[in-house]
Amino acid sequence: MPGKLPRNGPLPDPTISPEIREYIKKSFSELRIATTCEGPILLPVRLSPPKPMDRRLEVEGRTLYISAVQAPRIKEIDSRMLPKCVLQKKKRC
């Protein structure tokens, strides 16, 4: 059984890759990092509405919500968190 995560003080902000910063900046809505069976995923809030316990970060003039389950574990936010359909659209361009 994994050990408990420490709760001594505020969590450090995760680093955000330049690619994700640009994605957030161009997004038409606020975004949330949600928990899925495949791990954390970055979704628009209309698909995964924020919850009261979510962590909030200001990124490129937008609010990024991070699931309370994911917040203590995420050190870096990068393209691995984008839905596969977003990555497939990029390859076609």
PDB file of N, CA and C in Angstrom:
ATOM      1  N   MET A   1       0.847  -1.167   0.000  1.00  0.00           N
ATOM      2  CA  MET A   1       0.000   0.000   0.000  1.00  0.00           C
ATOM      3  C   MET A   1       0.896   1.235   0.000  1.00  0.00           C
ATOM      4  N   PRO A   2       0.673   2.193  -0.932  1.00  0.00           N
ATOM      5  CA  PRO A   2       1.527   3.364  -0.982  1.00  0.00           C
ATOM      6  C   PRO A   2       1.359   4.222   0.262  1.00  0.00           C
ATOM      7  N   GLY A   3       2.435   4.921   0.608  1.00  0.00           N
ATOM      8  CA  GLY A   3       2.401   5.809   1.760  1.00  0.00           C
ATOM      9  C   GLY A   3       1.540   7.026   1.484  1.00  0.00           C
ATOM     10  N   LYS A   4       1.127   7.669   2.562  1.00  0.00           N
ATOM     11  CA  LYS A   4       0.311   8.870   2.416  1.00  0.00           C
ATOM     12  C   LYS A   4       1.175  10.035   1.975  1.00  0.00           C
ATOM     13  N   LEU A   5       0.581  10.932   1.202  1.00  0.00           N
ATOM     14  CA  LEU A   5       1.287  12.132   0.768  1.00  0.00           C
ATOM     15  C   LEU A   5       1.337  13.128   1.911  1.00  0.00           C
ATOM     16  N   PRO A   6       2.453  13.842   2.072  1.00  0.00           N
ATOM     17  CA  PRO A   6       2.542  14.808   3.158  1.00  0.00           C
ATOM     18  C   PRO A   6       1.575  15.966   2.942  1.00  0.00           C
ATOM     19  N   ARG A   7       1.037  16.478   4.036  1.00  0.00           N
ATOM     20  CA  ARG A   7       0.110  17.605   3.961  1.00  0.00           C
ATOM     21  C   ARG A   7       0.646  18.773   4.781  1.00  0.00           C
ATOM     22  N   ASN A   8       1.931  18.989   4.731  1.00  0.00           N
ATOM     23  CA  ASN A   8       2.558  20.067   5.485  1.00  0.00           C
ATOM     24  C   ASN A   8       2.672  21.306   4.623  1.00  0.00           C
ATOM     25  N   GLY A   9       1.661  22.134   4.619  1.00  0.00           N
ATOM     26  CA  GLY A   9       1.748  23.383   3.881  1.00  0.00           C
ATOM     27  C   GLY A   9       1.244  23.274   2.460  1.00  0.00           C
ATOM     28  N   PRO A  10       1.327  24.395   1.728  1.00  0.00           N
ATOM     29  CA  PRO A  10       0.789  24.425   0.364  1.00  0.00           C
ATOM     30  C   PRO A  10       1.624  23.597  -0.608  1.00  0.00           C
ATOM     31  N   LEU A  11       0.956  23.108  -1.622  1.00  0.00           N
ATOM     32  CA  LEU A  11       1.635  22.339  -2.669  1.00  0.00           C
ATOM     33  C   LEU A  11       2.381  23.286  -3.598  1.00  0.00           C
ATOM     34  N   PRO A  12       3.553  22.897  -4.084  1.00  0.00           N
ATOM     35  CA  PRO A  12       4.230  23.736  -5.077  1.00  0.00           C
ATOM     36  C   PRO A  12       3.465  23.688  -6.403  1.00  0.00           C
ATOM     37  N   ASP A  13       3.515  24.787  -7.154  1.00  0.00           N
ATOM     38  CA  ASP A  13       2.867  24.811  -8.464  1.00  0.00           C
ATOM     39  C   ASP A  13       3.598  23.860  -9.411  1.00  0.00           C
ATOM     40  N   PRO A  14       2.846  23.080 -10.180  1.00  0.00           N
ATOM     41  CA  PRO A  14       3.496  22.217 -11.171  1.00  0.00           C
ATOM     42  C   PRO A  14       4.071  23.064 -12.305  1.00  0.00           C
ATOM     43  N   THR A  15       5.102  22.559 -12.960  1.00  0.00           N
ATOM     44  CA  THR A  15       5.620  23.248 -14.140  1.00  0.00           C
ATOM     45  C   THR A  15       4.673  22.943 -15.300  1.00  0.00           C
ATOM     46  N   ILE A  16       4.546  23.903 -16.201  1.00  0.00           N
ATOM     47  CA  ILE A  16       3.646  23.752 -17.343  1.00  0.00           C
ATOM     48  C   ILE A  16       4.470  23.944 -18.607  1.00  0.00           C
ATOM     49  N   SER A  17       4.424  22.958 -19.492  1.00  0.00           N
ATOM     50  CA  SER A  17       5.213  23.024 -20.720  1.00  0.00           C
ATOM     51  C   SER A  17       4.731  24.187 -21.591  1.00  0.00           C
ATOM     52  N   PRO A  18       5.622  24.763 -22.406  1.00  0.00           N
ATOM     53  CA  PRO A  18       5.226  25.858 -23.302  1.00  0.00           C
ATOM     54  C   PRO A  18       4.084  25.457 -24.242  1.00  0.00           C
ATOM     55  N   GLU A  19       4.083  24.218 -24.712  1.00  0.00           N
ATOM     56  CA  GLU A  19       3.028  23.727 -25.599  1.00  0.00           C
ATOM     57  C   GLU A  19       1.661  23.774 -24.909  1.00  0.00           C
ATOM     58  N   ILE A  20       1.612  23.380 -23.649  1.00  0.00           N
ATOM     59  CA  ILE A  20       0.354  23.393 -22.908  1.00  0.00           C
ATOM     60  C   ILE A  20      -0.054  24.823 -22.574  1.00  0.00           C
ATOM     61  N   ARG A  21       0.905  25.678 -22.260  1.00  0.00           N
ATOM     62  CA  ARG A  21       0.581  27.093 -22.033  1.00  0.00           C
ATOM     63  C   ARG A  21      -0.101  27.686 -23.258  1.00  0.00           C
ATOM     64  N   GLU A  22       0.415  27.383 -24.439  1.00  0.00           N
ATOM     65  CA  GLU A  22      -0.166  27.881 -25.680  1.00  0.00           C
ATOM     66  C   GLU A  22      -1.561  27.278 -25.895  1.00  0.00           C
ATOM     67  N   TYR A  23      -1.713  26.001 -25.614  1.00  0.00           N
ATOM     68  CA  TYR A  23      -2.997  25.329 -25.736  1.00  0.00           C
ATOM     69  C   TYR A  23      -4.037  25.992 -24.828  1.00  0.00           C
ATOM     70  N   ILE A  24      -3.658  26.275 -23.587  1.00  0.00           N
ATOM     71  CA  ILE A  24      -4.560  26.928 -22.634  1.00  0.00           C
ATOM     72  C   ILE A  24      -4.922  28.330 -23.117  1.00  0.00           C
ATOM     73  N   LYS A  25      -3.925  29.054 -23.615  1.00  0.00           N
ATOM     74  CA  LYS A  25      -4.145  30.419 -24.104  1.00  0.00           C
ATOM     75  C   LYS A  25      -5.142  30.446 -25.260  1.00  0.00           C
ATOM     76  N   LYS A  26      -5.073  29.467 -26.158  1.00  0.00           N
ATOM     77  CA  LYS A  26      -5.937  29.421 -27.336  1.00  0.00           C
ATOM     78  C   LYS A  26      -7.281  28.740 -27.067  1.00  0.00           C
ATOM     79  N   SER A  27      -7.422  28.156 -25.905  1.00  0.00           N
ATOM     80  CA  SER A  27      -8.643  27.426 -25.577  1.00  0.00           C
ATOM     81  C   SER A  27      -9.840  28.374 -25.480  1.00  0.00           C
ATOM     82  N   PHE A  28     -11.008  27.877 -25.865  1.00  0.00           N
ATOM     83  CA  PHE A  28     -12.235  28.670 -25.805  1.00  0.00           C
ATOM     84  C   PHE A  28     -12.918  28.579 -24.446  1.00  0.00           C
ATOM     85  N   SER A  29     -12.386  27.755 -23.551  1.00  0.00           N
ATOM     86  CA  SER A  29     -13.017  27.622 -22.234  1.00  0.00           C
ATOM     87  C   SER A  29     -11.949  27.394 -21.166  1.00  0.00           C
ATOM     88  N   GLU A  30     -12.401  27.435 -19.931  1.00  0.00           N
ATOM     89  CA  GLU A  30     -11.531  27.062 -18.824  1.00  0.00           C
ATOM     90  C   GLU A  30     -11.291  25.558 -18.938  1.00  0.00           C
ATOM     91  N   LEU A  31     -10.200  25.084 -18.338  1.00  0.00           N
ATOM     92  CA  LEU A  31      -9.843  23.671 -18.444  1.00  0.00           C
ATOM     93  C   LEU A  31      -9.690  23.057 -17.059  1.00  0.00           C
ATOM     94  N   ARG A  32      -9.784  21.742 -17.031  1.00  0.00           N
ATOM     95  CA  ARG A  32      -9.629  21.002 -15.778  1.00  0.00           C
ATOM     96  C   ARG A  32      -8.827  19.743 -16.030  1.00  0.00           C
ATOM     97  N   ILE A  33      -7.920  19.445 -15.128  1.00  0.00           N
ATOM     98  CA  ILE A  33      -7.206  18.168 -15.162  1.00  0.00           C
ATOM     99  C   ILE A  33      -8.021  17.210 -14.306  1.00  0.00           C
ATOM    100  N   ALA A  34      -8.594  16.224 -14.972  1.00  0.00           N
ATOM    101  CA  ALA A  34      -9.461  15.242 -14.320  1.00  0.00           C
ATOM    102  C   ALA A  34      -8.736  13.904 -14.204  1.00  0.00           C
ATOM    103  N   THR A  35      -9.324  13.031 -13.421  1.00  0.00           N
ATOM    104  CA  THR A  35      -8.783  11.695 -13.226  1.00  0.00           C
ATOM    105  C   THR A  35      -9.529  10.711 -14.123  1.00  0.00           C
ATOM    106  N   THR A  36      -8.768   9.901 -14.864  1.00  0.00           N
ATOM    107  CA  THR A  36      -9.362   8.829 -15.670  1.00  0.00           C
ATOM    108  C   THR A  36      -8.627   7.532 -15.350  1.00  0.00           C
ATOM    109  N   CYS A  37      -9.130   6.446 -15.887  1.00  0.00           N
ATOM    110  CA  CYS A  37      -8.464   5.154 -15.661  1.00  0.00           C
ATOM    111  C   CYS A  37      -7.081   5.122 -16.308  1.00  0.00           C
ATOM    112  N   GLU A  38      -6.836   5.988 -17.295  1.00  0.00           N
ATOM    113  CA  GLU A  38      -5.529   6.039 -17.950  1.00  0.00           C
ATOM    114  C   GLU A  38      -4.618   7.112 -17.353  1.00  0.00           C
ATOM    115  N   GLY A  39      -5.098   7.794 -16.330  1.00  0.00           N
ATOM    116  CA  GLY A  39      -4.301   8.837 -15.691  1.00  0.00           C
ATOM    117  C   GLY A  39      -4.934  10.208 -15.871  1.00  0.00           C
ATOM    118  N   PRO A  40      -4.191  11.265 -15.528  1.00  0.00           N
ATOM    119  CA  PRO A  40      -4.749  12.612 -15.628  1.00  0.00           C
ATOM    120  C   PRO A  40      -4.948  13.035 -17.077  1.00  0.00           C
ATOM    121  N   ILE A  41      -6.037  13.790 -17.319  1.00  0.00           N
ATOM    122  CA  ILE A  41      -6.347  14.258 -18.664  1.00  0.00           C
ATOM    123  C   ILE A  41      -6.856  15.700 -18.581  1.00  0.00           C
ATOM    124  N   LEU A  42      -6.479  16.511 -19.550  1.00  0.00           N
ATOM    125  CA  LEU A  42      -6.851  17.923 -19.610  1.00  0.00           C
ATOM    126  C   LEU A  42      -8.107  18.072 -20.465  1.00  0.00           C
ATOM    127  N   LEU A  43      -9.201  18.511 -19.835  1.00  0.00           N
ATOM    128  CA  LEU A  43     -10.488  18.607 -20.517  1.00  0.00           C
ATOM    129  C   LEU A  43     -11.117  19.978 -20.311  1.00  0.00           C
ATOM    130  N   PRO A  44     -11.982  20.394 -21.241  1.00  0.00           N
ATOM    131  CA  PRO A  44     -12.758  21.617 -21.019  1.00  0.00           C
ATOM    132  C   PRO A  44     -13.710  21.407 -19.834  1.00  0.00           C
ATOM    133  N   VAL A  45     -14.021  22.474 -19.111  1.00  0.00           N
ATOM    134  CA  VAL A  45     -14.893  22.335 -17.939  1.00  0.00           C
ATOM    135  C   VAL A  45     -16.316  21.909 -18.312  1.00  0.00           C
ATOM    136  N   ARG A  46     -16.724  22.095 -19.560  1.00  0.00           N
ATOM    137  CA  ARG A  46     -18.059  21.630 -19.945  1.00  0.00           C
ATOM    138  C   ARG A  46     -18.118  20.098 -19.957  1.00  0.00           C
ATOM    139  N   LEU A  47     -16.987  19.434 -20.156  1.00  0.00           N
ATOM    140  CA  LEU A  47     -16.934  17.969 -20.125  1.00  0.00           C
ATOM    141  C   LEU A  47     -16.613  17.438 -18.734  1.00  0.00           C
ATOM    142  N   SER A  48     -15.854  18.206 -17.979  1.00  0.00           N
ATOM    143  CA  SER A  48     -15.470  17.816 -16.624  1.00  0.00           C
ATOM    144  C   SER A  48     -15.549  19.050 -15.735  1.00  0.00           C
ATOM    145  N   PRO A  49     -16.736  19.353 -15.200  1.00  0.00           N
ATOM    146  CA  PRO A  49     -16.911  20.567 -14.406  1.00  0.00           C
ATOM    147  C   PRO A  49     -16.031  20.575 -13.153  1.00  0.00           C
ATOM    148  N   PRO A  50     -15.562  21.763 -12.761  1.00  0.00           N
ATOM    149  CA  PRO A  50     -14.736  21.844 -11.558  1.00  0.00           C
ATOM    150  C   PRO A  50     -15.541  21.488 -10.311  1.00  0.00           C
ATOM    151  N   LYS A  51     -14.840  20.981  -9.333  1.00  0.00           N
ATOM    152  CA  LYS A  51     -15.444  20.628  -8.055  1.00  0.00           C
ATOM    153  C   LYS A  51     -14.903  21.567  -6.982  1.00  0.00           C
ATOM    154  N   PRO A  52     -15.622  21.733  -5.891  1.00  0.00           N
ATOM    155  CA  PRO A  52     -15.180  22.675  -4.849  1.00  0.00           C
ATOM    156  C   PRO A  52     -13.782  22.389  -4.289  1.00  0.00           C
ATOM    157  N   MET A  53     -13.370  21.139  -4.283  1.00  0.00           N
ATOM    158  CA  MET A  53     -12.061  20.777  -3.714  1.00  0.00           C
ATOM    159  C   MET A  53     -10.911  20.928  -4.710  1.00  0.00           C
ATOM    160  N   ASP A  54     -11.205  21.226  -5.972  1.00  0.00           N
ATOM    161  CA  ASP A  54     -10.157  21.357  -6.983  1.00  0.00           C
ATOM    162  C   ASP A  54      -9.176  22.468  -6.640  1.00  0.00           C
ATOM    163  N   ARG A  55      -7.959  22.278  -7.063  1.00  0.00           N
ATOM    164  CA  ARG A  55      -6.934  23.318  -6.956  1.00  0.00           C
ATOM    165  C   ARG A  55      -7.083  24.229  -8.175  1.00  0.00           C
ATOM    166  N   ARG A  56      -6.876  25.522  -7.971  1.00  0.00           N
ATOM    167  CA  ARG A  56      -7.006  26.487  -9.071  1.00  0.00           C
ATOM    168  C   ARG A  56      -5.662  27.141  -9.337  1.00  0.00           C
ATOM    169  N   LEU A  57      -5.306  27.206 -10.622  1.00  0.00           N
ATOM    170  CA  LEU A  57      -4.094  27.907 -11.054  1.00  0.00           C
ATOM    171  C   LEU A  57      -4.468  28.883 -12.149  1.00  0.00           C
ATOM    172  N   GLU A  58      -3.888  30.066 -12.132  1.00  0.00           N
ATOM    173  CA  GLU A  58      -4.061  31.026 -13.212  1.00  0.00           C
ATOM    174  C   GLU A  58      -2.956  30.775 -14.234  1.00  0.00           C
ATOM    175  N   VAL A  59      -3.353  30.509 -15.473  1.00  0.00           N
ATOM    176  CA  VAL A  59      -2.403  30.216 -16.554  1.00  0.00           C
ATOM    177  C   VAL A  59      -2.849  30.976 -17.794  1.00  0.00           C
ATOM    178  N   GLU A  60      -2.007  31.854 -18.290  1.00  0.00           N
ATOM    179  CA  GLU A  60      -2.294  32.591 -19.524  1.00  0.00           C
ATOM    180  C   GLU A  60      -3.667  33.277 -19.487  1.00  0.00           C
ATOM    181  N   GLY A  61      -4.013  33.845 -18.338  1.00  0.00           N
ATOM    182  CA  GLY A  61      -5.271  34.563 -18.218  1.00  0.00           C
ATOM    183  C   GLY A  61      -6.498  33.688 -18.034  1.00  0.00           C
ATOM    184  N   ARG A  62      -6.301  32.417 -17.856  1.00  0.00           N
ATOM    185  CA  ARG A  62      -7.410  31.477 -17.664  1.00  0.00           C
ATOM    186  C   ARG A  62      -7.205  30.718 -16.353  1.00  0.00           C
ATOM    187  N   THR A  63      -8.299  30.165 -15.857  1.00  0.00           N
ATOM    188  CA  THR A  63      -8.207  29.334 -14.657  1.00  0.00           C
ATOM    189  C   THR A  63      -8.078  27.878 -15.081  1.00  0.00           C
ATOM    190  N   LEU A  64      -7.077  27.221 -14.550  1.00  0.00           N
ATOM    191  CA  LEU A  64      -6.887  25.789 -14.755  1.00  0.00           C
ATOM    192  C   LEU A  64      -7.233  25.114 -13.437  1.00  0.00           C
ATOM    193  N   TYR A  65      -8.205  24.227 -13.481  1.00  0.00           N
ATOM    194  CA  TYR A  65      -8.610  23.479 -12.297  1.00  0.00           C
ATOM    195  C   TYR A  65      -7.887  22.131 -12.319  1.00  0.00           C
ATOM    196  N   ILE A  66      -7.420  21.722 -11.155  1.00  0.00           N
ATOM    197  CA  ILE A  66      -6.747  20.420 -11.040  1.00  0.00           C
ATOM    198  C   ILE A  66      -7.492  19.601 -10.001  1.00  0.00           C
ATOM    199  N   SER A  67      -7.915  18.427 -10.401  1.00  0.00           N
ATOM    200  CA  SER A  67      -8.623  17.521  -9.502  1.00  0.00           C
ATOM    201  C   SER A  67      -7.865  17.386  -8.180  1.00  0.00           C
ATOM    202  N   ALA A  68      -8.603  17.382  -7.083  1.00  0.00           N
ATOM    203  CA  ALA A  68      -7.986  17.232  -5.762  1.00  0.00           C
ATOM    204  C   ALA A  68      -7.225  15.918  -5.650  1.00  0.00           C
ATOM    205  N   VAL A  69      -7.659  14.906  -6.406  1.00  0.00           N
ATOM    206  CA  VAL A  69      -6.968  13.617  -6.404  1.00  0.00           C
ATOM    207  C   VAL A  69      -5.609  13.750  -7.102  1.00  0.00           C
ATOM    208  N   GLN A  70      -5.561  14.513  -8.190  1.00  0.00           N
ATOM    209  CA  GLN A  70      -4.335  14.652  -8.975  1.00  0.00           C
ATOM    210  C   GLN A  70      -3.375  15.713  -8.427  1.00  0.00           C
ATOM    211  N   ALA A  71      -3.905  16.757  -7.818  1.00  0.00           N
ATOM    212  CA  ALA A  71      -3.088  17.912  -7.406  1.00  0.00           C
ATOM    213  C   ALA A  71      -1.827  17.547  -6.616  1.00  0.00           C
ATOM    214  N   PRO A  72      -1.881  16.668  -5.634  1.00  0.00           N
ATOM    215  CA  PRO A  72      -0.651  16.359  -4.888  1.00  0.00           C
ATOM    216  C   PRO A  72       0.375  15.551  -5.679  1.00  0.00           C
ATOM    217  N   ARG A  73      -0.066  14.939  -6.770  1.00  0.00           N
ATOM    218  CA  ARG A  73       0.811  14.035  -7.526  1.00  0.00           C
ATOM    219  C   ARG A  73       1.445  14.671  -8.763  1.00  0.00           C
ATOM    220  N   ILE A  74       0.823  15.716  -9.287  1.00  0.00           N
ATOM    221  CA  ILE A  74       1.292  16.306 -10.536  1.00  0.00           C
ATOM    222  C   ILE A  74       2.447  17.265 -10.293  1.00  0.00           C
ATOM    223  N   LYS A  75       3.559  16.967 -10.928  1.00  0.00           N
ATOM    224  CA  LYS A  75       4.740  17.838 -10.859  1.00  0.00           C
ATOM    225  C   LYS A  75       4.895  18.645 -12.149  1.00  0.00           C
ATOM    226  N   GLU A  76       4.401  18.059 -13.258  1.00  0.00           N
ATOM    227  CA  GLU A  76       4.535  18.695 -14.573  1.00  0.00           C
ATOM    228  C   GLU A  76       3.258  18.472 -15.380  1.00  0.00           C
ATOM    229  N   ILE A  77       2.828  19.528 -16.065  1.00  0.00           N
ATOM    230  CA  ILE A  77       1.673  19.439 -16.951  1.00  0.00           C
ATOM    231  C   ILE A  77       2.204  19.555 -18.369  1.00  0.00           C
ATOM    232  N   ASP A  78       2.038  18.485 -19.151  1.00  0.00           N
ATOM    233  CA  ASP A  78       2.575  18.489 -20.511  1.00  0.00           C
ATOM    234  C   ASP A  78       1.614  17.789 -21.468  1.00  0.00           C
ATOM    235  N   SER A  79       2.028  17.597 -22.703  1.00  0.00           N
ATOM    236  CA  SER A  79       1.150  17.077 -23.751  1.00  0.00           C
ATOM    237  C   SER A  79       0.649  15.656 -23.488  1.00  0.00           C
ATOM    238  N   ARG A  80       1.256  14.940 -22.574  1.00  0.00           N
ATOM    239  CA  ARG A  80       0.757  13.598 -22.244  1.00  0.00           C
ATOM    240  C   ARG A  80      -0.642  13.655 -21.643  1.00  0.00           C
ATOM    241  N   MET A  81      -1.050  14.841 -21.155  1.00  0.00           N
ATOM    242  CA  MET A  81      -2.368  15.000 -20.530  1.00  0.00           C
ATOM    243  C   MET A  81      -3.443  15.430 -21.520  1.00  0.00           C
ATOM    244  N   LEU A  82      -3.067  15.663 -22.768  1.00  0.00           N
ATOM    245  CA  LEU A  82      -4.051  16.041 -23.777  1.00  0.00           C
ATOM    246  C   LEU A  82      -4.824  14.805 -24.227  1.00  0.00           C
ATOM    247  N   PRO A  83      -6.119  14.949 -24.506  1.00  0.00           N
ATOM    248  CA  PRO A  83      -6.882  13.811 -25.031  1.00  0.00           C
ATOM    249  C   PRO A  83      -6.298  13.364 -26.373  1.00  0.00           C
ATOM    250  N   LYS A  84      -6.395  12.109 -26.664  1.00  0.00           N
ATOM    251  CA  LYS A  84      -5.827  11.552 -27.899  1.00  0.00           C
ATOM    252  C   LYS A  84      -6.393  12.224 -29.146  1.00  0.00           C
ATOM    253  N   CYS A  85      -7.668  12.638 -29.096  1.00  0.00           N
ATOM    254  CA  CYS A  85      -8.269  13.278 -30.273  1.00  0.00           C
ATOM    255  C   CYS A  85      -7.572  14.606 -30.590  1.00  0.00           C
ATOM    256  N   VAL A  86      -7.085  15.319 -29.591  1.00  0.00           N
ATOM    257  CA  VAL A  86      -6.356  16.569 -29.812  1.00  0.00           C
ATOM    258  C   VAL A  86      -5.035  16.273 -30.506  1.00  0.00           C
ATOM    259  N   LEU A  87      -4.358  15.229 -30.049  1.00  0.00           N
ATOM    260  CA  LEU A  87      -3.074  14.857 -30.644  1.00  0.00           C
ATOM    261  C   LEU A  87      -3.260  14.380 -32.084  1.00  0.00           C
ATOM    262  N   GLN A  88      -4.343  13.665 -32.362  1.00  0.00           N
ATOM    263  CA  GLN A  88      -4.597  13.190 -33.728  1.00  0.00           C
ATOM    264  C   GLN A  88      -4.863  14.352 -34.669  1.00  0.00           C
ATOM    265  N   LYS A  89      -5.579  15.375 -34.215  1.00  0.00           N
ATOM    266  CA  LYS A  89      -5.828  16.551 -35.054  1.00  0.00           C
ATOM    267  C   LYS A  89      -4.525  17.244 -35.404  1.00  0.00           C
ATOM    268  N   LYS A  90      -3.597  17.307 -34.459  1.00  0.00           N
ATOM    269  CA  LYS A  90      -2.307  17.964 -34.705  1.00  0.00           C
ATOM    270  C   LYS A  90      -1.512  17.237 -35.773  1.00  0.00           C
ATOM    271  N   LYS A  91      -1.572  15.911 -35.782  1.00  0.00           N
ATOM    272  CA  LYS A  91      -0.805  15.132 -36.762  1.00  0.00           C
ATOM    273  C   LYS A  91      -1.323  15.340 -38.180  1.00  0.00           C
ATOM    274  N   ARG A  92      -2.609  15.598 -38.328  1.00  0.00           N
ATOM    275  CA  ARG A  92      -3.207  15.793 -39.641  1.00  0.00           C
ATOM    276  C   ARG A  92      -2.878  17.161 -40.226  1.00  0.00           C
ATOM    277  N   CYS A  93      -2.562  18.101 -39.390  1.00  0.00           N
ATOM    278  CA  CYS A  93      -2.317  19.477 -39.854  1.00  0.00           C
ATOM    279  C   CYS A  93      -1.004  19.590 -40.591  1.00  0.00           C
TER     280      CYS A  93
END
